[in-house]
Structures are given as C-alpha cells and as structure tokens.
Amino acid sequence: MHPVLFEIPISGGVYIFSYGVMLGLSFVMGWQFVMHFGVKHENVERKILETCFIVTAVSAIVGGRLLYVLTNLEAFEEQPFYQLFNLRAGGMVAYGGFLGGAVGAAVYLRLFEALPDDVVILQRLARALAQVLPEGPARVLATRAAAEAERGDLARARALVQRAFEAAGSADDAPLRRQLDR
C-alpha cells in the first residue's frame, strides 16, 4: 500500500494518506452497516444508533492514538505537548481503536440505558443456543429457557440456559434425558 495516495497542492502541499482514507471508508461502511441492521433487523431506535456510532468513532480514534502514544513514549519525550494530538504526523494503533470504541459504546449505552434488558438478552441467547445446538437435551433446555424468558421468569430461564450449556458440554446425557422426560 502507498503511504501517500496523493497531494493537494495547497500552501506547500497537503498529503492525503492511505491509512486515513481507509479509516474514513471504514467509518462510512460501518455507519451504513449499523444503520441498516440496527434499525431494520434489531428494531433499535435510529437516534440511539446515530449517537452511539459517533461516540464509538470518536472513542476509537482517541483509543488508537492513546495506545500509540503509550507504546511510543520515547518518541514524544522531547516533543511539545500538542504533538500528542497531531494525527497528521502519524501514529494510531488498530487494537487501541477497537478497545477505545468498545469502551466508548459500552459507556454510552450504559449511561443512557439503551442496552436491552435482561429479558431480551436471555431470550436472544436461548434462541441462539436452540438454533446452533444439535438435537437433544441441550437444545430442549435452550428452547425451554427462551419460553421462560418470554414469560418473564428470569431465574428459571437463567438456570435453564446454564443447564443447556452444561448439557452441550457433557458426553453422557442419559441422566439429563431422564430428567427432561418428567
């Protein structure tokens, strides 16, 4: 990949870097993906998604730069303080961006209580388990857990999900089959 894609001849030249273009394209594609699936498939309010995406994007940039600075402190020892914020001079770490974005989204969603409640989470987990588990006791337990979560019995649903996980990891499911037949 070429570090500099092209130069705009304005006041000594403004360089357009390939990493910045790719980062910008990832934000545009991420926006489209989140808006499409969040609104159409998950029924999340568009305003919540928009704000969360912006918070996540800014947090990702801050996290990427912060981790770069922390891992390259010696490069900034003799630099003026404002150079810590000079993104045009280069320096972001991808996994720092991932961590920063994840933390930013989690904090935003927690502060504004936009996360789904326990009932919705348990329903989705139990339904996902019921779809991926092979036929047998673990799948039956996961299906029952989804039904219990839908009825609002969270304690029973949690217990059934836990038993489904245990059953999925157990080679000997004969005792569990007898228990389910009751």
C-alpha atoms as a PDB file:
ATOM      1  CA  MET A   1       0.000   0.000   0.000  1.00  0.00           C
ATOM      2  CA  HIS A   2       1.226   3.502  -0.739  1.00  0.00           C
ATOM      3  CA  PRO A   3       1.546   5.654   2.385  1.00  0.00           C
ATOM      4  CA  VAL A   4       0.598   8.815   0.460  1.00  0.00           C
ATOM      5  CA  LEU A   5      -2.254   8.416  -2.021  1.00  0.00           C
ATOM      6  CA  PHE A   6      -1.989  11.905  -3.491  1.00  0.00           C
ATOM      7  CA  GLU A   7      -1.115  15.503  -2.719  1.00  0.00           C
ATOM      8  CA  ILE A   8      -3.368  18.530  -2.899  1.00  0.00           C
ATOM      9  CA  PRO A   9      -1.237  21.499  -3.995  1.00  0.00           C
ATOM     10  CA  ILE A  10      -2.435  23.999  -1.386  1.00  0.00           C
ATOM     11  CA  SER A  11       0.062  26.118   0.561  1.00  0.00           C
ATOM     12  CA  GLY A  12       3.027  23.823   0.284  1.00  0.00           C
ATOM     13  CA  GLY A  13       1.015  20.646  -0.303  1.00  0.00           C
ATOM     14  CA  VAL A  14      -1.485  18.712   1.740  1.00  0.00           C
ATOM     15  CA  TYR A  15      -0.872  14.983   1.698  1.00  0.00           C
ATOM     16  CA  ILE A  16      -3.758  12.534   1.682  1.00  0.00           C
ATOM     17  CA  PHE A  17      -2.605   9.363   3.412  1.00  0.00           C
ATOM     18  CA  SER A  18      -3.924   5.929   2.544  1.00  0.00           C
ATOM     19  CA  TYR A  19      -4.454   4.966   6.219  1.00  0.00           C
ATOM     20  CA  GLY A  20      -6.689   7.999   6.738  1.00  0.00           C
ATOM     21  CA  VAL A  21      -8.696   7.244   3.606  1.00  0.00           C
ATOM     22  CA  MET A  22      -9.164   3.617   4.691  1.00  0.00           C
ATOM     23  CA  LEU A  23     -10.171   4.742   8.177  1.00  0.00           C
ATOM     24  CA  GLY A  24     -12.701   7.155   6.689  1.00  0.00           C
ATOM     25  CA  LEU A  25     -14.093   4.457   4.397  1.00  0.00           C
ATOM     26  CA  SER A  26     -14.404   2.074   7.347  1.00  0.00           C
ATOM     27  CA  PHE A  27     -16.446   4.685   9.220  1.00  0.00           C
ATOM     28  CA  VAL A  28     -18.742   5.223   6.217  1.00  0.00           C
ATOM     29  CA  MET A  29     -19.239   1.474   5.700  1.00  0.00           C
ATOM     30  CA  GLY A  30     -19.674   0.920   9.442  1.00  0.00           C
ATOM     31  CA  TRP A  31     -22.327   3.656   9.550  1.00  0.00           C
ATOM     32  CA  GLN A  32     -24.266   2.013   6.696  1.00  0.00           C
ATOM     33  CA  PHE A  33     -23.973  -1.432   8.281  1.00  0.00           C
ATOM     34  CA  VAL A  34     -25.055  -0.284  11.755  1.00  0.00           C
ATOM     35  CA  MET A  35     -27.971   1.788  10.481  1.00  0.00           C
ATOM     36  CA  HIS A  36     -29.252  -0.979   8.217  1.00  0.00           C
ATOM     37  CA  PHE A  37     -29.051  -3.872  10.657  1.00  0.00           C
ATOM     38  CA  GLY A  38     -29.756  -1.905  13.812  1.00  0.00           C
ATOM     39  CA  VAL A  39     -32.918  -0.239  12.558  1.00  0.00           C
ATOM     40  CA  LYS A  40     -34.323  -2.909  10.229  1.00  0.00           C
ATOM     41  CA  HIS A  41     -33.333  -6.137  11.931  1.00  0.00           C
ATOM     42  CA  GLU A  42     -32.894  -5.293  15.609  1.00  0.00           C
ATOM     43  CA  ASN A  43     -35.556  -2.547  15.884  1.00  0.00           C
ATOM     44  CA  VAL A  44     -33.213  -0.173  17.703  1.00  0.00           C
ATOM     45  CA  GLU A  45     -34.158   3.492  17.625  1.00  0.00           C
ATOM     46  CA  ARG A  46     -32.232   5.321  14.874  1.00  0.00           C
ATOM     47  CA  LYS A  47     -31.323   8.280  17.131  1.00  0.00           C
ATOM     48  CA  ILE A  48     -29.663   5.948  19.668  1.00  0.00           C
ATOM     49  CA  LEU A  49     -27.666   4.263  16.894  1.00  0.00           C
ATOM     50  CA  GLU A  50     -26.551   7.575  15.403  1.00  0.00           C
ATOM     51  CA  THR A  51     -25.320   8.967  18.697  1.00  0.00           C
ATOM     52  CA  CYS A  52     -23.731   5.681  19.732  1.00  0.00           C
ATOM     53  CA  PHE A  53     -21.911   5.422  16.388  1.00  0.00           C
ATOM     54  CA  ILE A  54     -20.457   8.926  16.731  1.00  0.00           C
ATOM     55  CA  VAL A  55     -19.377   8.254  20.333  1.00  0.00           C
ATOM     56  CA  THR A  56     -17.849   4.943  19.234  1.00  0.00           C
ATOM     57  CA  ALA A  57     -15.984   6.513  16.299  1.00  0.00           C
ATOM     58  CA  VAL A  58     -14.511   9.313  18.405  1.00  0.00           C
ATOM     59  CA  SER A  59     -13.606   6.854  21.178  1.00  0.00           C
ATOM     60  CA  ALA A  60     -11.932   4.588  18.624  1.00  0.00           C
ATOM     61  CA  ILE A  61      -9.753   7.430  17.325  1.00  0.00           C
ATOM     62  CA  VAL A  62      -8.864   8.533  20.852  1.00  0.00           C
ATOM     63  CA  GLY A  63      -8.135   4.936  21.908  1.00  0.00           C
ATOM     64  CA  GLY A  64      -5.988   4.277  18.841  1.00  0.00           C
ATOM     65  CA  ARG A  65      -3.942   7.408  19.378  1.00  0.00           C
ATOM     66  CA  LEU A  66      -3.686   6.906  23.139  1.00  0.00           C
ATOM     67  CA  LEU A  67      -2.312   3.399  22.767  1.00  0.00           C
ATOM     68  CA  TYR A  68       0.151   4.595  20.113  1.00  0.00           C
ATOM     69  CA  VAL A  69       1.415   7.330  22.435  1.00  0.00           C
ATOM     70  CA  LEU A  70       1.657   4.920  25.381  1.00  0.00           C
ATOM     71  CA  THR A  71       3.622   2.360  23.366  1.00  0.00           C
ATOM     72  CA  ASN A  72       5.942   5.012  21.898  1.00  0.00           C
ATOM     73  CA  LEU A  73       6.530   7.340  24.841  1.00  0.00           C
ATOM     74  CA  GLU A  74      10.186   7.840  23.957  1.00  0.00           C
ATOM     75  CA  ALA A  75       9.186   9.432  20.636  1.00  0.00           C
ATOM     76  CA  PHE A  76       7.173  12.091  22.481  1.00  0.00           C
ATOM     77  CA  GLU A  77       9.600  12.904  25.311  1.00  0.00           C
ATOM     78  CA  GLU A  78      11.220  15.863  23.561  1.00  0.00           C
ATOM     79  CA  GLN A  79       8.164  16.895  21.548  1.00  0.00           C
ATOM     80  CA  PRO A  80       5.841  19.750  22.528  1.00  0.00           C
ATOM     81  CA  PHE A  81       2.649  18.644  24.266  1.00  0.00           C
ATOM     82  CA  TYR A  82       0.386  19.446  21.295  1.00  0.00           C
ATOM     83  CA  GLN A  83       2.188  16.782  19.232  1.00  0.00           C
ATOM     84  CA  LEU A  84       0.309  14.167  21.242  1.00  0.00           C
ATOM     85  CA  PHE A  85      -2.810  15.242  19.330  1.00  0.00           C
ATOM     86  CA  ASN A  86      -1.230  15.671  15.874  1.00  0.00           C
ATOM     87  CA  LEU A  87      -2.772  12.792  13.940  1.00  0.00           C
ATOM     88  CA  ARG A  88      -1.350  14.081  10.649  1.00  0.00           C
ATOM     89  CA  ALA A  89       2.122  13.226  11.917  1.00  0.00           C
ATOM     90  CA  GLY A  90       1.017   9.588  12.066  1.00  0.00           C
ATOM     91  CA  GLY A  91       0.509   7.120  14.810  1.00  0.00           C
ATOM     92  CA  MET A  92      -2.572   5.102  15.666  1.00  0.00           C
ATOM     93  CA  VAL A  93      -2.851   1.511  16.842  1.00  0.00           C
ATOM     94  CA  ALA A  94      -5.718  -0.549  15.413  1.00  0.00           C
ATOM     95  CA  TYR A  95      -6.397  -2.623  18.519  1.00  0.00           C
ATOM     96  CA  GLY A  96      -6.302   0.545  20.632  1.00  0.00           C
ATOM     97  CA  GLY A  97      -9.037   1.859  18.363  1.00  0.00           C
ATOM     98  CA  PHE A  98     -11.023  -1.311  18.796  1.00  0.00           C
ATOM     99  CA  LEU A  99     -10.715  -1.170  22.577  1.00  0.00           C
ATOM    100  CA  GLY A 100     -11.463   2.561  22.691  1.00  0.00           C
ATOM    101  CA  GLY A 101     -14.532   2.141  20.505  1.00  0.00           C
ATOM    102  CA  ALA A 102     -15.829  -0.784  22.548  1.00  0.00           C
ATOM    103  CA  VAL A 103     -15.370   1.105  25.821  1.00  0.00           C
ATOM    104  CA  GLY A 104     -16.964   4.250  24.378  1.00  0.00           C
ATOM    105  CA  ALA A 105     -20.007   2.335  23.097  1.00  0.00           C
ATOM    106  CA  ALA A 106     -20.433   0.411  26.358  1.00  0.00           C
ATOM    107  CA  VAL A 107     -20.216   3.573  28.460  1.00  0.00           C
ATOM    108  CA  TYR A 108     -22.674   5.429  26.222  1.00  0.00           C
ATOM    109  CA  LEU A 109     -25.163   2.575  26.214  1.00  0.00           C
ATOM    110  CA  ARG A 110     -24.885   2.114  29.991  1.00  0.00           C
ATOM    111  CA  LEU A 111     -25.240   5.828  30.760  1.00  0.00           C
ATOM    112  CA  PHE A 112     -28.293   6.253  28.593  1.00  0.00           C
ATOM    113  CA  GLU A 113     -29.750   2.835  29.422  1.00  0.00           C
ATOM    114  CA  ALA A 114     -30.011   1.936  25.774  1.00  0.00           C
ATOM    115  CA  LEU A 115     -28.942  -1.670  26.321  1.00  0.00           C
ATOM    116  CA  PRO A 116     -31.670  -4.265  26.098  1.00  0.00           C
ATOM    117  CA  ASP A 117     -32.943  -5.531  29.412  1.00  0.00           C
ATOM    118  CA  ASP A 118     -32.192  -8.974  30.822  1.00  0.00           C
ATOM    119  CA  VAL A 119     -35.343 -10.488  29.360  1.00  0.00           C
ATOM    120  CA  VAL A 120     -34.354  -9.598  25.803  1.00  0.00           C
ATOM    121  CA  ILE A 121     -30.757 -10.748  26.312  1.00  0.00           C
ATOM    122  CA  LEU A 122     -31.856 -14.097  27.783  1.00  0.00           C
ATOM    123  CA  GLN A 123     -34.405 -14.618  25.004  1.00  0.00           C
ATOM    124  CA  ARG A 124     -31.800 -13.977  22.317  1.00  0.00           C
ATOM    125  CA  LEU A 125     -29.185 -16.151  23.987  1.00  0.00           C
ATOM    126  CA  ALA A 126     -31.612 -19.029  24.475  1.00  0.00           C
ATOM    127  CA  ARG A 127     -32.932 -18.788  20.899  1.00  0.00           C
ATOM    128  CA  ALA A 128     -29.389 -18.696  19.511  1.00  0.00           C
ATOM    129  CA  LEU A 129     -28.469 -21.763  21.561  1.00  0.00           C
ATOM    130  CA  ALA A 130     -31.578 -23.595  20.379  1.00  0.00           C
ATOM    131  CA  GLN A 131     -30.602 -22.925  16.763  1.00  0.00           C
ATOM    132  CA  VAL A 132     -26.972 -23.990  16.958  1.00  0.00           C
ATOM    133  CA  LEU A 133     -27.185 -26.959  19.311  1.00  0.00           C
ATOM    134  CA  PRO A 134     -27.767 -30.405  17.806  1.00  0.00           C
ATOM    135  CA  GLU A 135     -30.981 -32.268  18.532  1.00  0.00           C
ATOM    136  CA  GLY A 136     -31.030 -33.485  22.093  1.00  0.00           C
ATOM    137  CA  PRO A 137     -31.456 -32.422  25.700  1.00  0.00           C
ATOM    138  CA  ALA A 138     -29.336 -29.269  25.448  1.00  0.00           C
ATOM    139  CA  ARG A 139     -31.485 -27.966  22.619  1.00  0.00           C
ATOM    140  CA  VAL A 140     -34.679 -28.760  24.539  1.00  0.00           C
ATOM    141  CA  LEU A 141     -33.334 -26.887  27.560  1.00  0.00           C
ATOM    142  CA  ALA A 142     -32.430 -23.856  25.432  1.00  0.00           C
ATOM    143  CA  THR A 143     -35.907 -23.814  23.885  1.00  0.00           C
ATOM    144  CA  ARG A 144     -37.498 -24.012  27.337  1.00  0.00           C
ATOM    145  CA  ALA A 145     -35.218 -21.197  28.536  1.00  0.00           C
ATOM    146  CA  ALA A 146     -36.434 -18.946  25.713  1.00  0.00           C
ATOM    147  CA  ALA A 147     -40.046 -19.660  26.662  1.00  0.00           C
ATOM    148  CA  GLU A 148     -39.361 -18.944  30.348  1.00  0.00           C
ATOM    149  CA  ALA A 149     -37.630 -15.665  29.482  1.00  0.00           C
ATOM    150  CA  GLU A 150     -40.593 -14.664  27.360  1.00  0.00           C
ATOM    151  CA  ARG A 151     -42.909 -15.315  30.310  1.00  0.00           C
ATOM    152  CA  GLY A 152     -40.661 -13.167  32.480  1.00  0.00           C
ATOM    153  CA  ASP A 153     -39.299 -15.890  34.781  1.00  0.00           C
ATOM    154  CA  LEU A 154     -35.667 -14.795  34.591  1.00  0.00           C
ATOM    155  CA  ALA A 155     -34.389 -17.011  37.396  1.00  0.00           C
ATOM    156  CA  ARG A 156     -35.745 -20.145  35.723  1.00  0.00           C
ATOM    157  CA  ALA A 157     -34.551 -19.002  32.288  1.00  0.00           C
ATOM    158  CA  ARG A 158     -31.022 -18.401  33.604  1.00  0.00           C
ATOM    159  CA  ALA A 159     -30.967 -21.813  35.248  1.00  0.00           C
ATOM    160  CA  LEU A 160     -32.151 -23.487  32.046  1.00  0.00           C
ATOM    161  CA  VAL A 161     -29.538 -21.679  29.931  1.00  0.00           C
ATOM    162  CA  GLN A 162     -26.844 -22.780  32.371  1.00  0.00           C
ATOM    163  CA  ARG A 163     -28.098 -26.367  32.215  1.00  0.00           C
ATOM    164  CA  ALA A 164     -28.160 -26.167  28.401  1.00  0.00           C
ATOM    165  CA  PHE A 165     -24.502 -25.131  28.390  1.00  0.00           C
ATOM    166  CA  GLU A 166     -23.665 -27.968  30.776  1.00  0.00           C
ATOM    167  CA  ALA A 167     -25.602 -30.456  28.677  1.00  0.00           C
ATOM    168  CA  ALA A 168     -23.910 -29.282  25.489  1.00  0.00           C
ATOM    169  CA  GLY A 169     -20.510 -29.959  27.061  1.00  0.00           C
ATOM    170  CA  SER A 170     -21.490 -33.328  28.561  1.00  0.00           C
ATOM    171  CA  ALA A 171     -20.816 -36.561  26.688  1.00  0.00           C
ATOM    172  CA  ASP A 172     -23.102 -38.614  28.917  1.00  0.00           C
ATOM    173  CA  ASP A 173     -26.563 -37.102  28.649  1.00  0.00           C
ATOM    174  CA  ALA A 174     -28.609 -40.124  29.809  1.00  0.00           C
ATOM    175  CA  PRO A 175     -29.360 -38.642  33.299  1.00  0.00           C
ATOM    176  CA  LEU A 176     -30.377 -35.385  31.668  1.00  0.00           C
ATOM    177  CA  ARG A 177     -32.700 -37.174  29.256  1.00  0.00           C
ATOM    178  CA  ARG A 178     -34.433 -38.910  32.167  1.00  0.00           C
ATOM    179  CA  GLN A 179     -34.837 -35.558  33.919  1.00  0.00           C
ATOM    180  CA  LEU A 180     -36.355 -33.970  30.798  1.00  0.00           C
ATOM    181  CA  ASP A 181     -38.838 -36.806  30.361  1.00  0.00           C
ATOM    182  CA  ARG A 182     -40.521 -35.894  33.664  1.00  0.00           C
END
